[in-house]
Amino acid sequence: MDISIDRGEVALPPLLFISLLENAFKYNIDQKDCILKIVLQVKGNEVYFMVQNKYDKNEKNKSHGGLGLQNLEKRLKLYFQNSYTYQVSKEDSIYTCLLYTSPSPRDRQK
């Protein structure tokens, strides 16, 4: 876990990262060589969040929900409009989720 927060001010919706964190713990392989990495950096009013975990690419997803990530994307669009980047990648059994936010239009007007 790597956390770096400067003295800037940033406004975020409550529990913005919760779905990403829940999924990282839920789908992480329970083995000795598992990977669970969390990075949070705040500089001024920009936020960089990355969560990475190892998953079993041979196991079928047993979950029938998926609402958490859908709701996250809706919240990002509502709050940040086009001032964010949300990327997901799966490579070599490593699932990486990256969320980068710039100041929301509401914050820029203050």
PDB file of N, CA and C in Angstrom:
ATOM      1  N   MET A   1       0.856  -1.168   0.000  1.00  0.00           N
ATOM      2  CA  MET A   1       0.000   0.000   0.000  1.00  0.00           C
ATOM      3  C   MET A   1       0.903   1.231   0.000  1.00  0.00           C
ATOM      4  N   ASP A   2       0.618   2.137  -0.906  1.00  0.00           N
ATOM      5  CA  ASP A   2       1.409   3.357  -1.037  1.00  0.00           C
ATOM      6  C   ASP A   2       0.444   4.542  -1.031  1.00  0.00           C
ATOM      7  N   ILE A   3       0.570   5.393  -0.026  1.00  0.00           N
ATOM      8  CA  ILE A   3      -0.300   6.556   0.074  1.00  0.00           C
ATOM      9  C   ILE A   3       0.556   7.809   0.135  1.00  0.00           C
ATOM     10  N   SER A   4       0.237   8.759  -0.740  1.00  0.00           N
ATOM     11  CA  SER A   4       0.955  10.028  -0.782  1.00  0.00           C
ATOM     12  C   SER A   4      -0.068  11.143  -0.975  1.00  0.00           C
ATOM     13  N   ILE A   5      -0.230  11.968   0.048  1.00  0.00           N
ATOM     14  CA  ILE A   5      -1.222  13.041  -0.018  1.00  0.00           C
ATOM     15  C   ILE A   5      -0.534  14.353   0.336  1.00  0.00           C
ATOM     16  N   ASP A   6      -0.567  15.292  -0.600  1.00  0.00           N
ATOM     17  CA  ASP A   6       0.011  16.595  -0.288  1.00  0.00           C
ATOM     18  C   ASP A   6      -1.028  17.442   0.441  1.00  0.00           C
ATOM     19  N   ARG A   7      -0.777  18.687   0.599  1.00  0.00           N
ATOM     20  CA  ARG A   7      -1.680  19.549   1.373  1.00  0.00           C
ATOM     21  C   ARG A   7      -2.790  20.162   0.523  1.00  0.00           C
ATOM     22  N   GLY A   8      -2.924  19.699  -0.682  1.00  0.00           N
ATOM     23  CA  GLY A   8      -3.992  20.223  -1.544  1.00  0.00           C
ATOM     24  C   GLY A   8      -5.355  19.790  -1.050  1.00  0.00           C
ATOM     25  N   GLU A   9      -6.368  20.393  -1.619  1.00  0.00           N
ATOM     26  CA  GLU A   9      -7.732  20.040  -1.250  1.00  0.00           C
ATOM     27  C   GLU A   9      -8.422  19.417  -2.446  1.00  0.00           C
ATOM     28  N   VAL A  10      -9.070  18.326  -2.198  1.00  0.00           N
ATOM     29  CA  VAL A  10      -9.810  17.654  -3.255  1.00  0.00           C
ATOM     30  C   VAL A  10     -11.129  17.147  -2.666  1.00  0.00           C
ATOM     31  N   ALA A  11     -12.193  17.302  -3.428  1.00  0.00           N
ATOM     32  CA  ALA A  11     -13.504  16.820  -3.009  1.00  0.00           C
ATOM     33  C   ALA A  11     -13.824  15.556  -3.799  1.00  0.00           C
ATOM     34  N   LEU A  12     -14.132  14.495  -3.073  1.00  0.00           N
ATOM     35  CA  LEU A  12     -14.483  13.224  -3.701  1.00  0.00           C
ATOM     36  C   LEU A  12     -15.834  12.756  -3.177  1.00  0.00           C
ATOM     37  N   PRO A  13     -16.585  12.074  -4.021  1.00  0.00           N
ATOM     38  CA  PRO A  13     -17.836  11.488  -3.528  1.00  0.00           C
ATOM     39  C   PRO A  13     -17.520  10.460  -2.432  1.00  0.00           C
ATOM     40  N   PRO A  14     -18.373  10.322  -1.444  1.00  0.00           N
ATOM     41  CA  PRO A  14     -18.133   9.349  -0.374  1.00  0.00           C
ATOM     42  C   PRO A  14     -17.987   7.931  -0.925  1.00  0.00           C
ATOM     43  N   LEU A  15     -17.059   7.191  -0.377  1.00  0.00           N
ATOM     44  CA  LEU A  15     -16.849   5.773  -0.692  1.00  0.00           C
ATOM     45  C   LEU A  15     -16.594   5.510  -2.182  1.00  0.00           C
ATOM     46  N   LEU A  16     -15.947   6.432  -2.858  1.00  0.00           N
ATOM     47  CA  LEU A  16     -15.706   6.313  -4.295  1.00  0.00           C
ATOM     48  C   LEU A  16     -14.934   5.046  -4.652  1.00  0.00           C
ATOM     49  N   PHE A  17     -13.967   4.653  -3.836  1.00  0.00           N
ATOM     50  CA  PHE A  17     -13.088   3.534  -4.168  1.00  0.00           C
ATOM     51  C   PHE A  17     -13.577   2.187  -3.637  1.00  0.00           C
ATOM     52  N   ILE A  18     -14.686   2.157  -2.941  1.00  0.00           N
ATOM     53  CA  ILE A  18     -15.095   0.954  -2.225  1.00  0.00           C
ATOM     54  C   ILE A  18     -15.314  -0.247  -3.154  1.00  0.00           C
ATOM     55  N   SER A  19     -15.950  -0.076  -4.300  1.00  0.00           N
ATOM     56  CA  SER A  19     -16.192  -1.206  -5.209  1.00  0.00           C
ATOM     57  C   SER A  19     -14.892  -1.774  -5.738  1.00  0.00           C
ATOM     58  N   LEU A  20     -13.933  -0.903  -6.022  1.00  0.00           N
ATOM     59  CA  LEU A  20     -12.636  -1.357  -6.535  1.00  0.00           C
ATOM     60  C   LEU A  20     -11.881  -2.150  -5.475  1.00  0.00           C
ATOM     61  N   LEU A  21     -11.929  -1.674  -4.240  1.00  0.00           N
ATOM     62  CA  LEU A  21     -11.258  -2.379  -3.147  1.00  0.00           C
ATOM     63  C   LEU A  21     -11.944  -3.712  -2.837  1.00  0.00           C
ATOM     64  N   GLU A  22     -13.264  -3.704  -2.797  1.00  0.00           N
ATOM     65  CA  GLU A  22     -14.002  -4.944  -2.533  1.00  0.00           C
ATOM     66  C   GLU A  22     -13.670  -6.011  -3.570  1.00  0.00           C
ATOM     67  N   ASN A  23     -13.670  -5.632  -4.837  1.00  0.00           N
ATOM     68  CA  ASN A  23     -13.378  -6.593  -5.897  1.00  0.00           C
ATOM     69  C   ASN A  23     -11.948  -7.112  -5.821  1.00  0.00           C
ATOM     70  N   ALA A  24     -11.004  -6.243  -5.473  1.00  0.00           N
ATOM     71  CA  ALA A  24      -9.610  -6.675  -5.354  1.00  0.00           C
ATOM     72  C   ALA A  24      -9.466  -7.757  -4.288  1.00  0.00           C
ATOM     73  N   PHE A  25     -10.154  -7.585  -3.158  1.00  0.00           N
ATOM     74  CA  PHE A  25     -10.094  -8.596  -2.102  1.00  0.00           C
ATOM     75  C   PHE A  25     -10.917  -9.828  -2.475  1.00  0.00           C
ATOM     76  N   LYS A  26     -12.044  -9.622  -3.111  1.00  0.00           N
ATOM     77  CA  LYS A  26     -12.940 -10.730  -3.460  1.00  0.00           C
ATOM     78  C   LYS A  26     -12.313 -11.678  -4.469  1.00  0.00           C
ATOM     79  N   TYR A  27     -11.641 -11.142  -5.491  1.00  0.00           N
ATOM     80  CA  TYR A  27     -11.128 -11.977  -6.567  1.00  0.00           C
ATOM     81  C   TYR A  27      -9.637 -12.274  -6.454  1.00  0.00           C
ATOM     82  N   ASN A  28      -8.974 -11.746  -5.438  1.00  0.00           N
ATOM     83  CA  ASN A  28      -7.559 -12.032  -5.252  1.00  0.00           C
ATOM     84  C   ASN A  28      -7.386 -13.508  -4.901  1.00  0.00           C
ATOM     85  N   ILE A  29      -6.370 -14.125  -5.462  1.00  0.00           N
ATOM     86  CA  ILE A  29      -6.100 -15.535  -5.187  1.00  0.00           C
ATOM     87  C   ILE A  29      -5.541 -15.660  -3.771  1.00  0.00           C
ATOM     88  N   ASP A  30      -6.080 -16.600  -3.028  1.00  0.00           N
ATOM     89  CA  ASP A  30      -5.632 -16.822  -1.655  1.00  0.00           C
ATOM     90  C   ASP A  30      -4.460 -17.805  -1.669  1.00  0.00           C
ATOM     91  N   GLN A  31      -3.300 -17.294  -2.093  1.00  0.00           N
ATOM     92  CA  GLN A  31      -2.085 -18.100  -2.155  1.00  0.00           C
ATOM     93  C   GLN A  31      -0.916 -17.280  -1.634  1.00  0.00           C
ATOM     94  N   LYS A  32       0.180 -17.977  -1.395  1.00  0.00           N
ATOM     95  CA  LYS A  32       1.366 -17.330  -0.853  1.00  0.00           C
ATOM     96  C   LYS A  32       1.897 -16.229  -1.770  1.00  0.00           C
ATOM     97  N   ASP A  33       1.840 -16.423  -3.079  1.00  0.00           N
ATOM     98  CA  ASP A  33       2.408 -15.455  -4.029  1.00  0.00           C
ATOM     99  C   ASP A  33       1.373 -14.458  -4.553  1.00  0.00           C
ATOM    100  N   CYS A  34       0.283 -14.272  -3.814  1.00  0.00           N
ATOM    101  CA  CYS A  34      -0.753 -13.358  -4.282  1.00  0.00           C
ATOM    102  C   CYS A  34      -0.238 -11.921  -4.305  1.00  0.00           C
ATOM    103  N   ILE A  35      -0.876 -11.117  -5.120  1.00  0.00           N
ATOM    104  CA  ILE A  35      -0.507  -9.712  -5.248  1.00  0.00           C
ATOM    105  C   ILE A  35      -1.736  -8.872  -4.927  1.00  0.00           C
ATOM    106  N   LEU A  36      -1.560  -7.934  -4.044  1.00  0.00           N
ATOM    107  CA  LEU A  36      -2.604  -6.955  -3.770  1.00  0.00           C
ATOM    108  C   LEU A  36      -1.889  -5.639  -3.511  1.00  0.00           C
ATOM    109  N   LYS A  37      -1.981  -4.757  -4.471  1.00  0.00           N
ATOM    110  CA  LYS A  37      -1.282  -3.484  -4.386  1.00  0.00           C
ATOM    111  C   LYS A  37      -2.293  -2.353  -4.491  1.00  0.00           C
ATOM    112  N   ILE A  38      -2.168  -1.384  -3.596  1.00  0.00           N
ATOM    113  CA  ILE A  38      -3.068  -0.238  -3.583  1.00  0.00           C
ATOM    114  C   ILE A  38      -2.216   1.025  -3.545  1.00  0.00           C
ATOM    115  N   VAL A  39      -2.487   1.947  -4.459  1.00  0.00           N
ATOM    116  CA  VAL A  39      -1.759   3.215  -4.517  1.00  0.00           C
ATOM    117  C   VAL A  39      -2.780   4.347  -4.533  1.00  0.00           C
ATOM    118  N   LEU A  40      -2.579   5.319  -3.654  1.00  0.00           N
ATOM    119  CA  LEU A  40      -3.407   6.518  -3.623  1.00  0.00           C
ATOM    120  C   LEU A  40      -2.480   7.717  -3.534  1.00  0.00           C
ATOM    121  N   GLN A  41      -2.590   8.596  -4.525  1.00  0.00           N
ATOM    122  CA  GLN A  41      -1.784   9.815  -4.539  1.00  0.00           C
ATOM    123  C   GLN A  41      -2.707  10.999  -4.781  1.00  0.00           C
ATOM    124  N   VAL A  42      -2.540  12.031  -3.967  1.00  0.00           N
ATOM    125  CA  VAL A  42      -3.309  13.261  -4.129  1.00  0.00           C
ATOM    126  C   VAL A  42      -2.305  14.403  -4.247  1.00  0.00           C
ATOM    127  N   LYS A  43      -2.396  15.119  -5.358  1.00  0.00           N
ATOM    128  CA  LYS A  43      -1.554  16.296  -5.575  1.00  0.00           C
ATOM    129  C   LYS A  43      -2.466  17.440  -5.980  1.00  0.00           C
ATOM    130  N   GLY A  44      -2.502  18.464  -5.160  1.00  0.00           N
ATOM    131  CA  GLY A  44      -3.421  19.566  -5.435  1.00  0.00           C
ATOM    132  C   GLY A  44      -4.836  19.045  -5.393  1.00  0.00           C
ATOM    133  N   ASN A  45      -5.557  19.199  -6.498  1.00  0.00           N
ATOM    134  CA  ASN A  45      -6.906  18.636  -6.563  1.00  0.00           C
ATOM    135  C   ASN A  45      -7.011  17.566  -7.644  1.00  0.00           C
ATOM    136  N   GLU A  46      -5.922  16.795  -7.792  1.00  0.00           N
ATOM    137  CA  GLU A  46      -5.917  15.635  -8.680  1.00  0.00           C
ATOM    138  C   GLU A  46      -5.683  14.377  -7.848  1.00  0.00           C
ATOM    139  N   VAL A  47      -6.370  13.315  -8.213  1.00  0.00           N
ATOM    140  CA  VAL A  47      -6.283  12.056  -7.481  1.00  0.00           C
ATOM    141  C   VAL A  47      -5.885  10.944  -8.440  1.00  0.00           C
ATOM    142  N   TYR A  48      -4.914  10.142  -8.011  1.00  0.00           N
ATOM    143  CA  TYR A  48      -4.496   8.943  -8.741  1.00  0.00           C
ATOM    144  C   TYR A  48      -4.731   7.766  -7.806  1.00  0.00           C
ATOM    145  N   PHE A  49      -5.522   6.790  -8.260  1.00  0.00           N
ATOM    146  CA  PHE A  49      -5.807   5.600  -7.472  1.00  0.00           C
ATOM    147  C   PHE A  49      -5.600   4.385  -8.350  1.00  0.00           C
ATOM    148  N   MET A  50      -4.839   3.417  -7.832  1.00  0.00           N
ATOM    149  CA  MET A  50      -4.601   2.186  -8.573  1.00  0.00           C
ATOM    150  C   MET A  50      -4.723   1.022  -7.601  1.00  0.00           C
ATOM    151  N   VAL A  51      -5.410  -0.001  -8.034  1.00  0.00           N
ATOM    152  CA  VAL A  51      -5.499  -1.234  -7.254  1.00  0.00           C
ATOM    153  C   VAL A  51      -5.181  -2.385  -8.205  1.00  0.00           C
ATOM    154  N   GLN A  52      -4.383  -3.307  -7.691  1.00  0.00           N
ATOM    155  CA  GLN A  52      -3.906  -4.410  -8.534  1.00  0.00           C
ATOM    156  C   GLN A  52      -3.965  -5.697  -7.712  1.00  0.00           C
ATOM    157  N   ASN A  53      -4.476  -6.746  -8.320  1.00  0.00           N
ATOM    158  CA  ASN A  53      -4.533  -8.033  -7.635  1.00  0.00           C
ATOM    159  C   ASN A  53      -4.339  -9.167  -8.625  1.00  0.00           C
ATOM    160  N   LYS A  54      -3.915 -10.293  -8.086  1.00  0.00           N
ATOM    161  CA  LYS A  54      -3.749 -11.497  -8.894  1.00  0.00           C
ATOM    162  C   LYS A  54      -5.085 -12.238  -8.895  1.00  0.00           C
ATOM    163  N   TYR A  55      -5.454 -12.783 -10.038  1.00  0.00           N
ATOM    164  CA  TYR A  55      -6.710 -13.530 -10.119  1.00  0.00           C
ATOM    165  C   TYR A  55      -6.480 -14.828 -10.878  1.00  0.00           C
ATOM    166  N   ASP A  56      -7.380 -15.753 -10.713  1.00  0.00           N
ATOM    167  CA  ASP A  56      -7.303 -17.040 -11.401  1.00  0.00           C
ATOM    168  C   ASP A  56      -8.043 -16.912 -12.722  1.00  0.00           C
ATOM    169  N   LYS A  57      -7.302 -16.834 -13.813  1.00  0.00           N
ATOM    170  CA  LYS A  57      -7.931 -16.634 -15.121  1.00  0.00           C
ATOM    171  C   LYS A  57      -8.691 -17.867 -15.597  1.00  0.00           C
ATOM    172  N   ASN A  58      -8.502 -19.008 -14.937  1.00  0.00           N
ATOM    173  CA  ASN A  58      -9.219 -20.228 -15.319  1.00  0.00           C
ATOM    174  C   ASN A  58     -10.541 -20.382 -14.586  1.00  0.00           C
ATOM    175  N   GLU A  59     -10.740 -19.618 -13.522  1.00  0.00           N
ATOM    176  CA  GLU A  59     -11.980 -19.721 -12.754  1.00  0.00           C
ATOM    177  C   GLU A  59     -13.040 -18.811 -13.363  1.00  0.00           C
ATOM    178  N   LYS A  60     -14.210 -19.351 -13.537  1.00  0.00           N
ATOM    179  CA  LYS A  60     -15.332 -18.578 -14.067  1.00  0.00           C
ATOM    180  C   LYS A  60     -15.834 -17.626 -13.001  1.00  0.00           C
ATOM    181  N   ASN A  61     -16.263 -16.458 -13.447  1.00  0.00           N
ATOM    182  CA  ASN A  61     -16.829 -15.481 -12.520  1.00  0.00           C
ATOM    183  C   ASN A  61     -18.187 -15.987 -12.064  1.00  0.00           C
ATOM    184  N   LYS A  62     -18.312 -16.290 -10.780  1.00  0.00           N
ATOM    185  CA  LYS A  62     -19.557 -16.832 -10.233  1.00  0.00           C
ATOM    186  C   LYS A  62     -20.537 -15.742  -9.829  1.00  0.00           C
ATOM    187  N   SER A  63     -20.084 -14.521  -9.864  1.00  0.00           N
ATOM    188  CA  SER A  63     -20.937 -13.412  -9.449  1.00  0.00           C
ATOM    189  C   SER A  63     -21.925 -13.066 -10.554  1.00  0.00           C
ATOM    190  N   HIS A  64     -23.158 -12.792 -10.176  1.00  0.00           N
ATOM    191  CA  HIS A  64     -24.179 -12.400 -11.148  1.00  0.00           C
ATOM    192  C   HIS A  64     -24.515 -10.913 -11.029  1.00  0.00           C
ATOM    193  N   GLY A  65     -23.767 -10.226 -10.213  1.00  0.00           N
ATOM    194  CA  GLY A  65     -24.066  -8.813  -9.959  1.00  0.00           C
ATOM    195  C   GLY A  65     -23.347  -7.890 -10.930  1.00  0.00           C
ATOM    196  N   GLY A  66     -22.258  -7.327 -10.468  1.00  0.00           N
ATOM    197  CA  GLY A  66     -21.526  -6.375 -11.286  1.00  0.00           C
ATOM    198  C   GLY A  66     -22.057  -4.964 -11.166  1.00  0.00           C
ATOM    199  N   LEU A  67     -22.963  -4.741 -10.241  1.00  0.00           N
ATOM    200  CA  LEU A  67     -23.556  -3.414 -10.100  1.00  0.00           C
ATOM    201  C   LEU A  67     -22.588  -2.402  -9.507  1.00  0.00           C
ATOM    202  N   GLY A  68     -21.655  -2.862  -8.687  1.00  0.00           N
ATOM    203  CA  GLY A  68     -20.721  -1.949  -8.044  1.00  0.00           C
ATOM    204  C   GLY A  68     -19.904  -1.152  -9.053  1.00  0.00           C
ATOM    205  N   LEU A  69     -19.342  -1.830 -10.052  1.00  0.00           N
ATOM    206  CA  LEU A  69     -18.529  -1.136 -11.057  1.00  0.00           C
ATOM    207  C   LEU A  69     -19.391  -0.304 -11.997  1.00  0.00           C
ATOM    208  N   GLN A  70     -20.591  -0.777 -12.293  1.00  0.00           N
ATOM    209  CA  GLN A  70     -21.506   0.022 -13.121  1.00  0.00           C
ATOM    210  C   GLN A  70     -21.881   1.309 -12.401  1.00  0.00           C
ATOM    211  N   ASN A  71     -22.173   1.190 -11.112  1.00  0.00           N
ATOM    212  CA  ASN A  71     -22.511   2.379 -10.326  1.00  0.00           C
ATOM    213  C   ASN A  71     -21.316   3.318 -10.192  1.00  0.00           C
ATOM    214  N   LEU A  72     -20.126   2.757 -10.074  1.00  0.00           N
ATOM    215  CA  LEU A  72     -18.921   3.582 -10.013  1.00  0.00           C
ATOM    216  C   LEU A  72     -18.792   4.432 -11.273  1.00  0.00           C
ATOM    217  N   GLU A  73     -18.960   3.817 -12.418  1.00  0.00           N
ATOM    218  CA  GLU A  73     -18.842   4.567 -13.680  1.00  0.00           C
ATOM    219  C   GLU A  73     -19.909   5.661 -13.779  1.00  0.00           C
ATOM    220  N   LYS A  74     -21.112   5.374 -13.333  1.00  0.00           N
ATOM    221  CA  LYS A  74     -22.165   6.396 -13.344  1.00  0.00           C
ATOM    222  C   LYS A  74     -21.801   7.561 -12.429  1.00  0.00           C
ATOM    223  N   ARG A  75     -21.286   7.244 -11.248  1.00  0.00           N
ATOM    224  CA  ARG A  75     -20.898   8.295 -10.302  1.00  0.00           C
ATOM    225  C   ARG A  75     -19.756   9.137 -10.856  1.00  0.00           C
ATOM    226  N   LEU A  76     -18.793   8.484 -11.502  1.00  0.00           N
ATOM    227  CA  LEU A  76     -17.676   9.226 -12.088  1.00  0.00           C
ATOM    228  C   LEU A  76     -18.173  10.210 -13.152  1.00  0.00           C
ATOM    229  N   LYS A  77     -19.083   9.750 -14.002  1.00  0.00           N
ATOM    230  CA  LYS A  77     -19.625  10.625 -15.051  1.00  0.00           C
ATOM    231  C   LYS A  77     -20.412  11.783 -14.461  1.00  0.00           C
ATOM    232  N   LEU A  78     -21.200  11.492 -13.437  1.00  0.00           N
ATOM    233  CA  LEU A  78     -21.993  12.554 -12.809  1.00  0.00           C
ATOM    234  C   LEU A  78     -21.113  13.582 -12.098  1.00  0.00           C
ATOM    235  N   TYR A  79     -20.134  13.101 -11.377  1.00  0.00           N
ATOM    236  CA  TYR A  79     -19.345  14.003 -10.549  1.00  0.00           C
ATOM    237  C   TYR A  79     -18.217  14.701 -11.316  1.00  0.00           C
ATOM    238  N   PHE A  80     -17.519  13.945 -12.160  1.00  0.00           N
ATOM    239  CA  PHE A  80     -16.344  14.492 -12.846  1.00  0.00           C
ATOM    240  C   PHE A  80     -16.585  14.811 -14.315  1.00  0.00           C
ATOM    241  N   GLN A  81     -17.731  14.460 -14.855  1.00  0.00           N
ATOM    242  CA  GLN A  81     -18.059  14.645 -16.271  1.00  0.00           C
ATOM    243  C   GLN A  81     -16.962  14.007 -17.125  1.00  0.00           C
ATOM    244  N   ASN A  82     -16.154  14.782 -17.812  1.00  0.00           N
ATOM    245  CA  ASN A  82     -15.089  14.219 -18.653  1.00  0.00           C
ATOM    246  C   ASN A  82     -13.706  14.411 -18.049  1.00  0.00           C
ATOM    247  N   SER A  83     -13.643  14.737 -16.773  1.00  0.00           N
ATOM    248  CA  SER A  83     -12.364  15.049 -16.131  1.00  0.00           C
ATOM    249  C   SER A  83     -11.815  13.866 -15.331  1.00  0.00           C
ATOM    250  N   TYR A  84     -11.900  12.677 -15.901  1.00  0.00           N
ATOM    251  CA  TYR A  84     -11.368  11.498 -15.219  1.00  0.00           C
ATOM    252  C   TYR A  84     -10.942  10.446 -16.237  1.00  0.00           C
ATOM    253  N   THR A  85     -10.102   9.545 -15.782  1.00  0.00           N
ATOM    254  CA  THR A  85      -9.697   8.378 -16.562  1.00  0.00           C
ATOM    255  C   THR A  85      -9.969   7.156 -15.703  1.00  0.00           C
ATOM    256  N   TYR A  86     -10.632   6.179 -16.282  1.00  0.00           N
ATOM    257  CA  TYR A  86     -10.913   4.924 -15.592  1.00  0.00           C
ATOM    258  C   TYR A  86     -10.539   3.807 -16.544  1.00  0.00           C
ATOM    259  N   GLN A  87      -9.525   3.024 -16.177  1.00  0.00           N
ATOM    260  CA  GLN A  87      -9.044   1.955 -17.046  1.00  0.00           C
ATOM    261  C   GLN A  87      -8.919   0.656 -16.262  1.00  0.00           C
ATOM    262  N   VAL A  88      -9.238  -0.432 -16.941  1.00  0.00           N
ATOM    263  CA  VAL A  88      -9.093  -1.762 -16.368  1.00  0.00           C
ATOM    264  C   VAL A  88      -8.287  -2.596 -17.343  1.00  0.00           C
ATOM    265  N   SER A  89      -7.327  -3.360 -16.826  1.00  0.00           N
ATOM    266  CA  SER A  89      -6.554  -4.252 -17.697  1.00  0.00           C
ATOM    267  C   SER A  89      -6.354  -5.591 -17.003  1.00  0.00           C
ATOM    268  N   LYS A  90      -6.292  -6.630 -17.805  1.00  0.00           N
ATOM    269  CA  LYS A  90      -6.026  -7.992 -17.324  1.00  0.00           C
ATOM    270  C   LYS A  90      -4.851  -8.524 -18.136  1.00  0.00           C
ATOM    271  N   GLU A  91      -3.743  -8.775 -17.440  1.00  0.00           N
ATOM    272  CA  GLU A  91      -2.547  -9.241 -18.133  1.00  0.00           C
ATOM    273  C   GLU A  91      -1.771 -10.179 -17.210  1.00  0.00           C
ATOM    274  N   ASP A  92      -1.450 -11.365 -17.716  1.00  0.00           N
ATOM    275  CA  ASP A  92      -0.678 -12.354 -16.943  1.00  0.00           C
ATOM    276  C   ASP A  92      -1.285 -12.618 -15.569  1.00  0.00           C
ATOM    277  N   SER A  93      -2.577 -12.831 -15.514  1.00  0.00           N
ATOM    278  CA  SER A  93      -3.314 -13.103 -14.273  1.00  0.00           C
ATOM    279  C   SER A  93      -3.264 -11.961 -13.261  1.00  0.00           C
ATOM    280  N   ILE A  94      -2.955 -10.750 -13.750  1.00  0.00           N
ATOM    281  CA  ILE A  94      -2.950  -9.561 -12.896  1.00  0.00           C
ATOM    282  C   ILE A  94      -4.054  -8.629 -13.381  1.00  0.00           C
ATOM    283  N   TYR A  95      -4.950  -8.283 -12.473  1.00  0.00           N
ATOM    284  CA  TYR A  95      -6.041  -7.361 -12.762  1.00  0.00           C
ATOM    285  C   TYR A  95      -5.641  -6.004 -12.200  1.00  0.00           C
ATOM    286  N   THR A  96      -5.641  -4.996 -13.058  1.00  0.00           N
ATOM    287  CA  THR A  96      -5.252  -3.655 -12.643  1.00  0.00           C
ATOM    288  C   THR A  96      -6.380  -2.683 -12.957  1.00  0.00           C
ATOM    289  N   CYS A  97      -6.717  -1.878 -11.982  1.00  0.00           N
ATOM    290  CA  CYS A  97      -7.723  -0.844 -12.164  1.00  0.00           C
ATOM    291  C   CYS A  97      -7.079   0.497 -11.823  1.00  0.00           C
ATOM    292  N   LEU A  98      -7.196   1.441 -12.730  1.00  0.00           N
ATOM    293  CA  LEU A  98      -6.611   2.764 -12.564  1.00  0.00           C
ATOM    294  C   LEU A  98      -7.713   3.806 -12.632  1.00  0.00           C
ATOM    295  N   LEU A  99      -7.691   4.714 -11.682  1.00  0.00           N
ATOM    296  CA  LEU A  99      -8.647   5.813 -11.661  1.00  0.00           C
ATOM    297  C   LEU A  99      -7.873   7.095 -11.415  1.00  0.00           C
ATOM    298  N   TYR A 100      -7.974   8.006 -12.345  1.00  0.00           N
ATOM    299  CA  TYR A 100      -7.301   9.292 -12.232  1.00  0.00           C
ATOM    300  C   TYR A 100      -8.346  10.379 -12.410  1.00  0.00           C
ATOM    301  N   THR A 101      -8.423  11.285 -11.462  1.00  0.00           N
ATOM    302  CA  THR A 101      -9.405  12.361 -11.559  1.00  0.00           C
ATOM    303  C   THR A 101      -8.705  13.707 -11.578  1.00  0.00           C
ATOM    304  N   SER A 102      -9.236  14.579 -12.380  1.00  0.00           N
ATOM    305  CA  SER A 102      -8.830  15.980 -12.389  1.00  0.00           C
ATOM    306  C   SER A 102      -9.896  16.741 -11.620  1.00  0.00           C
ATOM    307  N   PRO A 103      -9.681  18.015 -11.368  1.00  0.00           N
ATOM    308  CA  PRO A 103     -10.704  18.763 -10.650  1.00  0.00           C
ATOM    309  C   PRO A 103     -12.052  18.718 -11.393  1.00  0.00           C
ATOM    310  N   SER A 104     -13.113  18.543 -10.640  1.00  0.00           N
ATOM    311  CA  SER A 104     -14.440  18.560 -11.253  1.00  0.00           C
ATOM    312  C   SER A 104     -14.762  19.990 -11.643  1.00  0.00           C
ATOM    313  N   PRO A 105     -15.667  20.182 -12.594  1.00  0.00           N
ATOM    314  CA  PRO A 105     -16.057  21.542 -12.974  1.00  0.00           C
ATOM    315  C   PRO A 105     -16.544  22.364 -11.781  1.00  0.00           C
ATOM    316  N   ARG A 106     -17.242  21.716 -10.820  1.00  0.00           N
ATOM    317  CA  ARG A 106     -17.706  22.422  -9.618  1.00  0.00           C
ATOM    318  C   ARG A 106     -16.528  22.937  -8.800  1.00  0.00           C
ATOM    319  N   ASP A 107     -15.455  22.120  -8.718  1.00  0.00           N
ATOM    320  CA  ASP A 107     -14.290  22.534  -7.934  1.00  0.00           C
ATOM    321  C   ASP A 107     -13.530  23.651  -8.615  1.00  0.00           C
ATOM    322  N   ARG A 108     -13.510  23.666  -9.956  1.00  0.00           N
ATOM    323  CA  ARG A 108     -12.772  24.692 -10.681  1.00  0.00           C
ATOM    324  C   ARG A 108     -13.398  26.067 -10.516  1.00  0.00           C
ATOM    325  N   GLN A 109     -14.710  26.117 -10.253  1.00  0.00           N
ATOM    326  CA  GLN A 109     -15.399  27.389 -10.117  1.00  0.00           C
ATOM    327  C   GLN A 109     -15.178  28.034  -8.751  1.00  0.00           C
ATOM    328  N   LYS A 110     -14.688  27.262  -7.789  1.00  0.00           N
ATOM    329  CA  LYS A 110     -14.490  27.783  -6.427  1.00  0.00           C
ATOM    330  C   LYS A 110     -13.277  28.673  -6.354  1.00  0.00           C
TER     331      LYS A 110
END
